[in-house]
Amino acid sequence: MPNVKITVIKTDTNSRFETVSGPEGFYTVPLLPPGPYEITAEAQGFKKFVQTGIQIGTDTRVAQDIALSVGETSESVTITADATPLNTSSASTGQVITSHEVETCR
C-alpha cells in the first residue's frame, strides 16, 4: 500500500527512524545500527500496526511484511472529571490567623 508512514524505533536507545512506503507499497530503512527494534505502520482508515522484538545484527538485511487491517479513520478519548471549583468570592470556610501564630510558626 503506498504512502504508509513507517516508524522504526531502536528500543534500547529510543532512536526513531521514519520513512513512507513507495507507490508499490515497498519501504526501506537503511543503515540501522545493530540492536532490538519495534516497527509501527500507520495509514488513514487503517488500524495501527505494531511489531516488537525485531533483532537486527551487523550486516543483516531484515524483511518485515506489514498487514494493515481496515479500521476507524479516527478515534477519540474523552476524559471527564467532577472537580469542585474553588470558591474565591467568599471566606465562609476560612479562618483568621493572628500575628502571634504567624511569628511562632517559623
PDB file of N, CA and C in Angstrom:
ATOM      1  N   MET A   1       0.849  -1.169   0.000  1.00  0.00           N
ATOM      2  CA  MET A   1       0.000   0.000   0.000  1.00  0.00           C
ATOM      3  C   MET A   1       0.899   1.237   0.000  1.00  0.00           C
ATOM      4  N   PRO A   2       0.669   2.212  -0.835  1.00  0.00           N
ATOM      5  CA  PRO A   2       1.510   3.405  -0.882  1.00  0.00           C
ATOM      6  C   PRO A   2       1.203   4.389   0.246  1.00  0.00           C
ATOM      7  N   ASN A   3       2.179   5.232   0.528  1.00  0.00           N
ATOM      8  CA  ASN A   3       2.050   6.336   1.492  1.00  0.00           C
ATOM      9  C   ASN A   3       1.725   5.901   2.911  1.00  0.00           C
ATOM     10  N   VAL A   4       2.268   4.779   3.333  1.00  0.00           N
ATOM     11  CA  VAL A   4       2.112   4.325   4.712  1.00  0.00           C
ATOM     12  C   VAL A   4       3.289   4.881   5.509  1.00  0.00           C
ATOM     13  N   LYS A   5       2.996   5.518   6.625  1.00  0.00           N
ATOM     14  CA  LYS A   5       4.054   6.063   7.474  1.00  0.00           C
ATOM     15  C   LYS A   5       4.650   4.925   8.308  1.00  0.00           C
ATOM     16  N   ILE A   6       5.947   4.689   8.126  1.00  0.00           N
ATOM     17  CA  ILE A   6       6.655   3.614   8.824  1.00  0.00           C
ATOM     18  C   ILE A   6       7.599   4.255   9.834  1.00  0.00           C
ATOM     19  N   THR A   7       7.528   3.820  11.085  1.00  0.00           N
ATOM     20  CA  THR A   7       8.432   4.293  12.125  1.00  0.00           C
ATOM     21  C   THR A   7       9.140   3.089  12.725  1.00  0.00           C
ATOM     22  N   VAL A   8      10.463   3.146  12.748  1.00  0.00           N
ATOM     23  CA  VAL A   8      11.279   2.087  13.338  1.00  0.00           C
ATOM     24  C   VAL A   8      11.960   2.678  14.560  1.00  0.00           C
ATOM     25  N   ILE A   9      11.778   2.040  15.708  1.00  0.00           N
ATOM     26  CA  ILE A   9      12.326   2.549  16.973  1.00  0.00           C
ATOM     27  C   ILE A   9      13.318   1.542  17.526  1.00  0.00           C
ATOM     28  N   LYS A  10      14.545   1.999  17.779  1.00  0.00           N
ATOM     29  CA  LYS A  10      15.557   1.169  18.445  1.00  0.00           C
ATOM     30  C   LYS A  10      15.215   1.210  19.925  1.00  0.00           C
ATOM     31  N   THR A  11      14.720   0.119  20.453  1.00  0.00           N
ATOM     32  CA  THR A  11      14.099   0.125  21.771  1.00  0.00           C
ATOM     33  C   THR A  11      15.070   0.345  22.927  1.00  0.00           C
ATOM     34  N   ASP A  12      16.353   0.038  22.763  1.00  0.00           N
ATOM     35  CA  ASP A  12      17.274   0.253  23.875  1.00  0.00           C
ATOM     36  C   ASP A  12      17.752   1.702  23.979  1.00  0.00           C
ATOM     37  N   THR A  13      17.619   2.479  22.901  1.00  0.00           N
ATOM     38  CA  THR A  13      18.028   3.890  22.939  1.00  0.00           C
ATOM     39  C   THR A  13      16.883   4.838  22.615  1.00  0.00           C
ATOM     40  N   ASN A  14      15.758   4.310  22.189  1.00  0.00           N
ATOM     41  CA  ASN A  14      14.579   5.089  21.787  1.00  0.00           C
ATOM     42  C   ASN A  14      14.848   5.962  20.563  1.00  0.00           C
ATOM     43  N   SER A  15      15.838   5.583  19.740  1.00  0.00           N
ATOM     44  CA  SER A  15      16.117   6.298  18.495  1.00  0.00           C
ATOM     45  C   SER A  15      15.022   5.977  17.489  1.00  0.00           C
ATOM     46  N   ARG A  16      14.581   7.004  16.752  1.00  0.00           N
ATOM     47  CA  ARG A  16      13.488   6.835  15.797  1.00  0.00           C
ATOM     48  C   ARG A  16      13.993   7.040  14.374  1.00  0.00           C
ATOM     49  N   PHE A  17      13.522   6.183  13.475  1.00  0.00           N
ATOM     50  CA  PHE A  17      13.827   6.277  12.059  1.00  0.00           C
ATOM     51  C   PHE A  17      12.490   6.207  11.326  1.00  0.00           C
ATOM     52  N   GLU A  18      12.230   7.183  10.446  1.00  0.00           N
ATOM     53  CA  GLU A  18      10.927   7.236   9.787  1.00  0.00           C
ATOM     54  C   GLU A  18      11.080   7.218   8.272  1.00  0.00           C
ATOM     55  N   THR A  19      10.095   6.632   7.607  1.00  0.00           N
ATOM     56  CA  THR A  19      10.038   6.611   6.150  1.00  0.00           C
ATOM     57  C   THR A  19       8.579   6.470   5.739  1.00  0.00           C
ATOM     58  N   VAL A  20       8.338   6.524   4.431  1.00  0.00           N
ATOM     59  CA  VAL A  20       6.989   6.353   3.883  1.00  0.00           C
ATOM     60  C   VAL A  20       7.091   5.330   2.754  1.00  0.00           C
ATOM     61  N   SER A  21       6.120   4.437   2.673  1.00  0.00           N
ATOM     62  CA  SER A  21       6.152   3.423   1.610  1.00  0.00           C
ATOM     63  C   SER A  21       5.949   4.078   0.248  1.00  0.00           C
ATOM     64  N   GLY A  22       6.573   3.473  -0.764  1.00  0.00           N
ATOM     65  CA  GLY A  22       6.514   3.997  -2.125  1.00  0.00           C
ATOM     66  C   GLY A  22       5.234   3.629  -2.848  1.00  0.00           C
ATOM     67  N   PRO A  23       5.156   3.929  -4.152  1.00  0.00           N
ATOM     68  CA  PRO A  23       3.936   3.694  -4.938  1.00  0.00           C
ATOM     69  C   PRO A  23       3.486   2.239  -4.971  1.00  0.00           C
ATOM     70  N   GLU A  24       4.419   1.304  -4.875  1.00  0.00           N
ATOM     71  CA  GLU A  24       4.047  -0.106  -4.884  1.00  0.00           C
ATOM     72  C   GLU A  24       3.940  -0.704  -3.484  1.00  0.00           C
ATOM     73  N   GLY A  25       4.116   0.135  -2.449  1.00  0.00           N
ATOM     74  CA  GLY A  25       3.976  -0.328  -1.078  1.00  0.00           C
ATOM     75  C   GLY A  25       5.262  -0.799  -0.436  1.00  0.00           C
ATOM     76  N   PHE A  26       6.385  -0.706  -1.148  1.00  0.00           N
ATOM     77  CA  PHE A  26       7.666  -1.130  -0.590  1.00  0.00           C
ATOM     78  C   PHE A  26       8.296   0.009   0.200  1.00  0.00           C
ATOM     79  N   TYR A  27       9.078  -0.346   1.212  1.00  0.00           N
ATOM     80  CA  TYR A  27       9.771   0.653   2.009  1.00  0.00           C
ATOM     81  C   TYR A  27      11.143   0.115   2.399  1.00  0.00           C
ATOM     82  N   THR A  28      12.073   1.020   2.676  1.00  0.00           N
ATOM     83  CA  THR A  28      13.385   0.643   3.198  1.00  0.00           C
ATOM     84  C   THR A  28      13.783   1.644   4.274  1.00  0.00           C
ATOM     85  N   VAL A  29      14.484   1.149   5.254  1.00  0.00           N
ATOM     86  CA  VAL A  29      15.070   1.985   6.298  1.00  0.00           C
ATOM     87  C   VAL A  29      16.535   1.558   6.377  1.00  0.00           C
ATOM     88  N   PRO A  30      17.399   2.208   5.600  1.00  0.00           N
ATOM     89  CA  PRO A  30      18.787   1.757   5.507  1.00  0.00           C
ATOM     90  C   PRO A  30      19.643   2.199   6.688  1.00  0.00           C
ATOM     91  N   LEU A  31      20.765   1.496   6.846  1.00  0.00           N
ATOM     92  CA  LEU A  31      21.824   1.854   7.796  1.00  0.00           C
ATOM     93  C   LEU A  31      21.367   1.904   9.251  1.00  0.00           C
ATOM     94  N   LEU A  32      20.559   0.930   9.658  1.00  0.00           N
ATOM     95  CA  LEU A  32      20.151   0.849  11.060  1.00  0.00           C
ATOM     96  C   LEU A  32      21.271   0.203  11.870  1.00  0.00           C
ATOM     97  N   PRO A  33      21.622   0.782  13.029  1.00  0.00           N
ATOM     98  CA  PRO A  33      22.629   0.146  13.875  1.00  0.00           C
ATOM     99  C   PRO A  33      22.093  -1.164  14.467  1.00  0.00           C
ATOM    100  N   PRO A  34      22.965  -2.113  14.777  1.00  0.00           N
ATOM    101  CA  PRO A  34      22.514  -3.379  15.358  1.00  0.00           C
ATOM    102  C   PRO A  34      21.791  -3.162  16.687  1.00  0.00           C
ATOM    103  N   GLY A  35      20.801  -3.998  16.954  1.00  0.00           N
ATOM    104  CA  GLY A  35      20.089  -3.916  18.222  1.00  0.00           C
ATOM    105  C   GLY A  35      18.641  -4.338  18.100  1.00  0.00           C
ATOM    106  N   PRO A  36      17.867  -4.165  19.183  1.00  0.00           N
ATOM    107  CA  PRO A  36      16.445  -4.533  19.204  1.00  0.00           C
ATOM    108  C   PRO A  36      15.576  -3.395  18.661  1.00  0.00           C
ATOM    109  N   TYR A  37      14.556  -3.759  17.893  1.00  0.00           N
ATOM    110  CA  TYR A  37      13.706  -2.764  17.260  1.00  0.00           C
ATOM    111  C   TYR A  37      12.229  -3.084  17.396  1.00  0.00           C
ATOM    112  N   GLU A  38      11.433  -2.016  17.227  1.00  0.00           N
ATOM    113  CA  GLU A  38       9.979  -2.096  17.128  1.00  0.00           C
ATOM    114  C   GLU A  38       9.606  -1.322  15.871  1.00  0.00           C
ATOM    115  N   ILE A  39       8.656  -1.837  15.113  1.00  0.00           N
ATOM    116  CA  ILE A  39       8.227  -1.151  13.899  1.00  0.00           C
ATOM    117  C   ILE A  39       6.736  -0.873  13.981  1.00  0.00           C
ATOM    118  N   THR A  40       6.347   0.334  13.576  1.00  0.00           N
ATOM    119  CA  THR A  40       4.928   0.690  13.515  1.00  0.00           C
ATOM    120  C   THR A  40       4.616   1.208  12.121  1.00  0.00           C
ATOM    121  N   ALA A  41       3.390   0.975  11.682  1.00  0.00           N
ATOM    122  CA  ALA A  41       2.926   1.463  10.385  1.00  0.00           C
ATOM    123  C   ALA A  41       1.548   2.072  10.587  1.00  0.00           C
ATOM    124  N   GLU A  42       1.356   3.246   9.981  1.00  0.00           N
ATOM    125  CA  GLU A  42       0.087   3.949  10.130  1.00  0.00           C
ATOM    126  C   GLU A  42      -0.371   4.499   8.790  1.00  0.00           C
ATOM    127  N   ALA A  43      -1.649   4.330   8.499  1.00  0.00           N
ATOM    128  CA  ALA A  43      -2.272   4.897   7.304  1.00  0.00           C
ATOM    129  C   ALA A  43      -3.714   5.246   7.646  1.00  0.00           C
ATOM    130  N   GLN A  44      -4.187   6.330   7.076  1.00  0.00           N
ATOM    131  CA  GLN A  44      -5.550   6.773   7.368  1.00  0.00           C
ATOM    132  C   GLN A  44      -6.557   5.728   6.912  1.00  0.00           C
ATOM    133  N   GLY A  45      -7.490   5.418   7.809  1.00  0.00           N
ATOM    134  CA  GLY A  45      -8.522   4.425   7.510  1.00  0.00           C
ATOM    135  C   GLY A  45      -8.145   3.017   7.897  1.00  0.00           C
ATOM    136  N   PHE A  46      -6.936   2.846   8.476  1.00  0.00           N
ATOM    137  CA  PHE A  46      -6.463   1.523   8.864  1.00  0.00           C
ATOM    138  C   PHE A  46      -6.014   1.544  10.319  1.00  0.00           C
ATOM    139  N   LYS A  47      -6.065   0.372  10.955  1.00  0.00           N
ATOM    140  CA  LYS A  47      -5.580   0.242  12.321  1.00  0.00           C
ATOM    141  C   LYS A  47      -4.060   0.318  12.322  1.00  0.00           C
ATOM    142  N   LYS A  48      -3.517   0.838  13.400  1.00  0.00           N
ATOM    143  CA  LYS A  48      -2.063   0.949  13.549  1.00  0.00           C
ATOM    144  C   LYS A  48      -1.455  -0.439  13.700  1.00  0.00           C
ATOM    145  N   PHE A  49      -0.385  -0.695  12.952  1.00  0.00           N
ATOM    146  CA  PHE A  49       0.343  -1.962  13.010  1.00  0.00           C
ATOM    147  C   PHE A  49       1.565  -1.772  13.901  1.00  0.00           C
ATOM    148  N   VAL A  50       1.795  -2.698  14.834  1.00  0.00           N
ATOM    149  CA  VAL A  50       2.973  -2.654  15.705  1.00  0.00           C
ATOM    150  C   VAL A  50       3.595  -4.049  15.751  1.00  0.00           C
ATOM    151  N   GLN A  51       4.902  -4.122  15.508  1.00  0.00           N
ATOM    152  CA  GLN A  51       5.644  -5.381  15.618  1.00  0.00           C
ATOM    153  C   GLN A  51       6.845  -5.129  16.522  1.00  0.00           C
ATOM    154  N   THR A  52       6.949  -5.879  17.598  1.00  0.00           N
ATOM    155  CA  THR A  52       8.060  -5.731  18.532  1.00  0.00           C
ATOM    156  C   THR A  52       8.965  -6.950  18.448  1.00  0.00           C
ATOM    157  N   GLY A  53      10.118  -6.857  19.089  1.00  0.00           N
ATOM    158  CA  GLY A  53      11.021  -8.000  19.183  1.00  0.00           C
ATOM    159  C   GLY A  53      11.822  -8.272  17.931  1.00  0.00           C
ATOM    160  N   ILE A  54      12.024  -7.269  17.096  1.00  0.00           N
ATOM    161  CA  ILE A  54      12.835  -7.446  15.890  1.00  0.00           C
ATOM    162  C   ILE A  54      14.294  -7.207  16.269  1.00  0.00           C
ATOM    163  N   GLN A  55      15.150  -8.150  15.961  1.00  0.00           N
ATOM    164  CA  GLN A  55      16.578  -8.047  16.281  1.00  0.00           C
ATOM    165  C   GLN A  55      17.360  -7.883  14.983  1.00  0.00           C
ATOM    166  N   ILE A  56      18.134  -6.813  14.894  1.00  0.00           N
ATOM    167  CA  ILE A  56      18.956  -6.567  13.713  1.00  0.00           C
ATOM    168  C   ILE A  56      20.419  -6.681  14.108  1.00  0.00           C
ATOM    169  N   GLY A  57      21.157  -7.492  13.361  1.00  0.00           N
ATOM    170  CA  GLY A  57      22.576  -7.682  13.608  1.00  0.00           C
ATOM    171  C   GLY A  57      23.424  -6.891  12.616  1.00  0.00           C
ATOM    172  N   THR A  58      24.726  -7.024  12.739  1.00  0.00           N
ATOM    173  CA  THR A  58      25.657  -6.363  11.837  1.00  0.00           C
ATOM    174  C   THR A  58      25.558  -6.980  10.445  1.00  0.00           C
ATOM    175  N   ASP A  59      25.564  -6.139   9.424  1.00  0.00           N
ATOM    176  CA  ASP A  59      25.481  -6.585   8.023  1.00  0.00           C
ATOM    177  C   ASP A  59      24.299  -7.524   7.776  1.00  0.00           C
ATOM    178  N   THR A  60      23.160  -7.196   8.372  1.00  0.00           N
ATOM    179  CA  THR A  60      21.962  -8.015   8.235  1.00  0.00           C
ATOM    180  C   THR A  60      20.887  -7.236   7.489  1.00  0.00           C
ATOM    181  N   ARG A  61      20.196  -7.921   6.610  1.00  0.00           N
ATOM    182  CA  ARG A  61      19.064  -7.325   5.911  1.00  0.00           C
ATOM    183  C   ARG A  61      17.809  -8.037   6.407  1.00  0.00           C
ATOM    184  N   VAL A  62      16.879  -7.272   6.954  1.00  0.00           N
ATOM    185  CA  VAL A  62      15.658  -7.843   7.522  1.00  0.00           C
ATOM    186  C   VAL A  62      14.473  -7.420   6.658  1.00  0.00           C
ATOM    187  N   ALA A  63      13.609  -8.355   6.340  1.00  0.00           N
ATOM    188  CA  ALA A  63      12.378  -8.059   5.612  1.00  0.00           C
ATOM    189  C   ALA A  63      11.205  -8.230   6.573  1.00  0.00           C
ATOM    190  N   GLN A  64      10.408  -7.193   6.719  1.00  0.00           N
ATOM    191  CA  GLN A  64       9.253  -7.257   7.598  1.00  0.00           C
ATOM    192  C   GLN A  64       8.013  -6.884   6.790  1.00  0.00           C
ATOM    193  N   ASP A  65       7.170  -7.883   6.511  1.00  0.00           N
ATOM    194  CA  ASP A  65       5.910  -7.612   5.822  1.00  0.00           C
ATOM    195  C   ASP A  65       4.938  -6.998   6.813  1.00  0.00           C
ATOM    196  N   ILE A  66       4.143  -6.066   6.336  1.00  0.00           N
ATOM    197  CA  ILE A  66       3.173  -5.372   7.184  1.00  0.00           C
ATOM    198  C   ILE A  66       1.787  -5.609   6.600  1.00  0.00           C
ATOM    199  N   ALA A  67       0.878  -6.060   7.430  1.00  0.00           N
ATOM    200  CA  ALA A  67      -0.512  -6.258   7.022  1.00  0.00           C
ATOM    201  C   ALA A  67      -1.382  -5.273   7.797  1.00  0.00           C
ATOM    202  N   LEU A  68      -1.973  -4.322   7.080  1.00  0.00           N
ATOM    203  CA  LEU A  68      -2.840  -3.335   7.728  1.00  0.00           C
ATOM    204  C   LEU A  68      -4.287  -3.799   7.648  1.00  0.00           C
ATOM    205  N   SER A  69      -4.984  -3.671   8.772  1.00  0.00           N
ATOM    206  CA  SER A  69      -6.401  -4.038   8.836  1.00  0.00           C
ATOM    207  C   SER A  69      -7.249  -2.779   8.752  1.00  0.00           C
ATOM    208  N   VAL A  70      -8.366  -2.886   8.050  1.00  0.00           N
ATOM    209  CA  VAL A  70      -9.279  -1.751   7.953  1.00  0.00           C
ATOM    210  C   VAL A  70      -9.779  -1.416   9.351  1.00  0.00           C
ATOM    211  N   GLY A  71      -9.794  -0.126   9.663  1.00  0.00           N
ATOM    212  CA  GLY A  71     -10.231   0.301  10.989  1.00  0.00           C
ATOM    213  C   GLY A  71     -10.889   1.653  10.931  1.00  0.00           C
ATOM    214  N   GLU A  72     -11.093   2.211  12.074  1.00  0.00           N
ATOM    215  CA  GLU A  72     -11.702   3.527  12.195  1.00  0.00           C
ATOM    216  C   GLU A  72     -10.760   4.592  11.643  1.00  0.00           C
ATOM    217  N   THR A  73     -11.332   5.600  10.990  1.00  0.00           N
ATOM    218  CA  THR A  73     -10.498   6.681  10.480  1.00  0.00           C
ATOM    219  C   THR A  73     -10.046   7.600  11.595  1.00  0.00           C
ATOM    220  N   SER A  74     -10.779   7.624  12.672  1.00  0.00           N
ATOM    221  CA  SER A  74     -10.348   8.422  13.815  1.00  0.00           C
ATOM    222  C   SER A  74     -10.933   7.826  15.083  1.00  0.00           C
ATOM    223  N   GLU A  75     -10.189   7.942  16.133  1.00  0.00           N
ATOM    224  CA  GLU A  75     -10.650   7.505  17.436  1.00  0.00           C
ATOM    225  C   GLU A  75     -10.442   8.656  18.394  1.00  0.00           C
ATOM    226  N   SER A  76     -11.286   8.770  19.368  1.00  0.00           N
ATOM    227  CA  SER A  76     -11.120   9.847  20.334  1.00  0.00           C
ATOM    228  C   SER A  76     -11.309   9.308  21.733  1.00  0.00           C
ATOM    229  N   VAL A  77     -10.628   9.941  22.648  1.00  0.00           N
ATOM    230  CA  VAL A  77     -10.741   9.604  24.059  1.00  0.00           C
ATOM    231  C   VAL A  77     -11.273  10.828  24.777  1.00  0.00           C
ATOM    232  N   THR A  78     -12.334  10.651  25.527  1.00  0.00           N
ATOM    233  CA  THR A  78     -12.910  11.753  26.291  1.00  0.00           C
ATOM    234  C   THR A  78     -12.717  11.480  27.763  1.00  0.00           C
ATOM    235  N   ILE A  79     -12.088  12.435  28.443  1.00  0.00           N
ATOM    236  CA  ILE A  79     -11.846  12.308  29.879  1.00  0.00           C
ATOM    237  C   ILE A  79     -12.681  13.357  30.586  1.00  0.00           C
ATOM    238  N   THR A  80     -13.473  12.900  31.544  1.00  0.00           N
ATOM    239  CA  THR A  80     -14.271  13.841  32.324  1.00  0.00           C
ATOM    240  C   THR A  80     -13.924  13.675  33.788  1.00  0.00           C
ATOM    241  N   ALA A  81     -13.937  14.785  34.494  1.00  0.00           N
ATOM    242  CA  ALA A  81     -13.645  14.763  35.926  1.00  0.00           C
ATOM    243  C   ALA A  81     -14.633  15.673  36.631  1.00  0.00           C
ATOM    244  N   ASP A  82     -15.094  15.257  37.796  1.00  0.00           N
ATOM    245  CA  ASP A  82     -16.004  16.061  38.585  1.00  0.00           C
ATOM    246  C   ASP A  82     -15.227  16.712  39.714  1.00  0.00           C
ATOM    247  N   ALA A  83     -14.551  17.784  39.412  1.00  0.00           N
ATOM    248  CA  ALA A  83     -13.794  18.516  40.425  1.00  0.00           C
ATOM    249  C   ALA A  83     -14.628  19.704  40.878  1.00  0.00           C
ATOM    250  N   THR A  84     -14.717  19.912  42.166  1.00  0.00           N
ATOM    251  CA  THR A  84     -15.463  21.055  42.675  1.00  0.00           C
ATOM    252  C   THR A  84     -14.614  22.305  42.504  1.00  0.00           C
ATOM    253  N   PRO A  85     -15.196  23.355  41.961  1.00  0.00           N
ATOM    254  CA  PRO A  85     -14.429  24.578  41.755  1.00  0.00           C
ATOM    255  C   PRO A  85     -14.074  25.263  43.072  1.00  0.00           C
ATOM    256  N   LEU A  86     -12.989  25.989  43.048  1.00  0.00           N
ATOM    257  CA  LEU A  86     -12.524  26.729  44.215  1.00  0.00           C
ATOM    258  C   LEU A  86     -13.355  27.990  44.355  1.00  0.00           C
ATOM    259  N   ASN A  87     -13.894  28.240  45.551  1.00  0.00           N
ATOM    260  CA  ASN A  87     -14.696  29.427  45.813  1.00  0.00           C
ATOM    261  C   ASN A  87     -13.758  30.556  46.237  1.00  0.00           C
ATOM    262  N   THR A  88     -13.577  31.531  45.359  1.00  0.00           N
ATOM    263  CA  THR A  88     -12.688  32.654  45.669  1.00  0.00           C
ATOM    264  C   THR A  88     -13.446  33.913  46.045  1.00  0.00           C
ATOM    265  N   SER A  89     -14.766  33.882  46.035  1.00  0.00           N
ATOM    266  CA  SER A  89     -15.555  35.077  46.331  1.00  0.00           C
ATOM    267  C   SER A  89     -16.049  35.126  47.767  1.00  0.00           C
ATOM    268  N   SER A  90     -15.881  34.085  48.536  1.00  0.00           N
ATOM    269  CA  SER A  90     -16.389  34.054  49.898  1.00  0.00           C
ATOM    270  C   SER A  90     -15.346  33.453  50.831  1.00  0.00           C
ATOM    271  N   ALA A  91     -15.273  33.985  52.043  1.00  0.00           N
ATOM    272  CA  ALA A  91     -14.348  33.462  53.053  1.00  0.00           C
ATOM    273  C   ALA A  91     -15.107  32.657  54.100  1.00  0.00           C
ATOM    274  N   SER A  92     -16.226  32.073  53.726  1.00  0.00           N
ATOM    275  CA  SER A  92     -17.079  31.384  54.687  1.00  0.00           C
ATOM    276  C   SER A  92     -16.402  30.162  55.314  1.00  0.00           C
ATOM    277  N   THR A  93     -15.453  29.548  54.670  1.00  0.00           N
ATOM    278  CA  THR A  93     -14.781  28.398  55.251  1.00  0.00           C
ATOM    279  C   THR A  93     -13.364  28.733  55.703  1.00  0.00           C
ATOM    280  N   GLY A  94     -13.007  30.006  55.708  1.00  0.00           N
ATOM    281  CA  GLY A  94     -11.666  30.424  56.109  1.00  0.00           C
ATOM    282  C   GLY A  94     -11.576  30.653  57.603  1.00  0.00           C
ATOM    283  N   GLN A  95     -10.418  31.062  58.053  1.00  0.00           N
ATOM    284  CA  GLN A  95     -10.223  31.390  59.454  1.00  0.00           C
ATOM    285  C   GLN A  95      -9.217  32.519  59.555  1.00  0.00           C
ATOM    286  N   VAL A  96      -9.216  33.194  60.687  1.00  0.00           N
ATOM    287  CA  VAL A  96      -8.303  34.297  60.920  1.00  0.00           C
ATOM    288  C   VAL A  96      -7.075  33.773  61.646  1.00  0.00           C
ATOM    289  N   ILE A  97      -5.906  34.175  61.172  1.00  0.00           N
ATOM    290  CA  ILE A  97      -4.652  33.784  61.815  1.00  0.00           C
ATOM    291  C   ILE A  97      -4.068  35.036  62.463  1.00  0.00           C
ATOM    292  N   THR A  98      -3.767  34.926  63.740  1.00  0.00           N
ATOM    293  CA  THR A  98      -3.222  36.083  64.459  1.00  0.00           C
ATOM    294  C   THR A  98      -1.749  36.248  64.142  1.00  0.00           C
ATOM    295  N   SER A  99      -1.224  37.439  64.400  1.00  0.00           N
ATOM    296  CA  SER A  99       0.195  37.701  64.152  1.00  0.00           C
ATOM    297  C   SER A  99       1.073  36.831  65.049  1.00  0.00           C
ATOM    298  N   HIS A 100       0.594  36.504  66.251  1.00  0.00           N
ATOM    299  CA  HIS A 100       1.337  35.633  67.161  1.00  0.00           C
ATOM    300  C   HIS A 100       1.509  34.236  66.547  1.00  0.00           C
ATOM    301  N   GLU A 101       0.461  33.693  65.913  1.00  0.00           N
ATOM    302  CA  GLU A 101       0.532  32.392  65.265  1.00  0.00           C
ATOM    303  C   GLU A 101       1.507  32.392  64.092  1.00  0.00           C
ATOM    304  N   VAL A 102       1.539  33.506  63.363  1.00  0.00           N
ATOM    305  CA  VAL A 102       2.463  33.612  62.232  1.00  0.00           C
ATOM    306  C   VAL A 102       3.893  33.642  62.725  1.00  0.00           C
ATOM    307  N   GLU A 103       4.162  34.386  63.807  1.00  0.00           N
ATOM    308  CA  GLU A 103       5.525  34.510  64.334  1.00  0.00           C
ATOM    309  C   GLU A 103       6.036  33.204  64.938  1.00  0.00           C
ATOM    310  N   THR A 104       5.174  32.438  65.581  1.00  0.00           N
ATOM    311  CA  THR A 104       5.599  31.178  66.196  1.00  0.00           C
ATOM    312  C   THR A 104       5.668  30.038  65.207  1.00  0.00           C
ATOM    313  N   CYS A 105       5.207  30.236  64.026  1.00  0.00           N
ATOM    314  CA  CYS A 105       5.182  29.183  63.018  1.00  0.00           C
ATOM    315  C   CYS A 105       6.534  29.029  62.337  1.00  0.00           C
ATOM    316  N   ARG A 106       7.428  29.953  62.519  1.00  0.00           N
ATOM    317  CA  ARG A 106       8.733  29.920  61.854  1.00  0.00           C
ATOM    318  C   ARG A 106       9.502  28.787  62.335  1.00  0.00           C
TER     319      ARG A 106
END
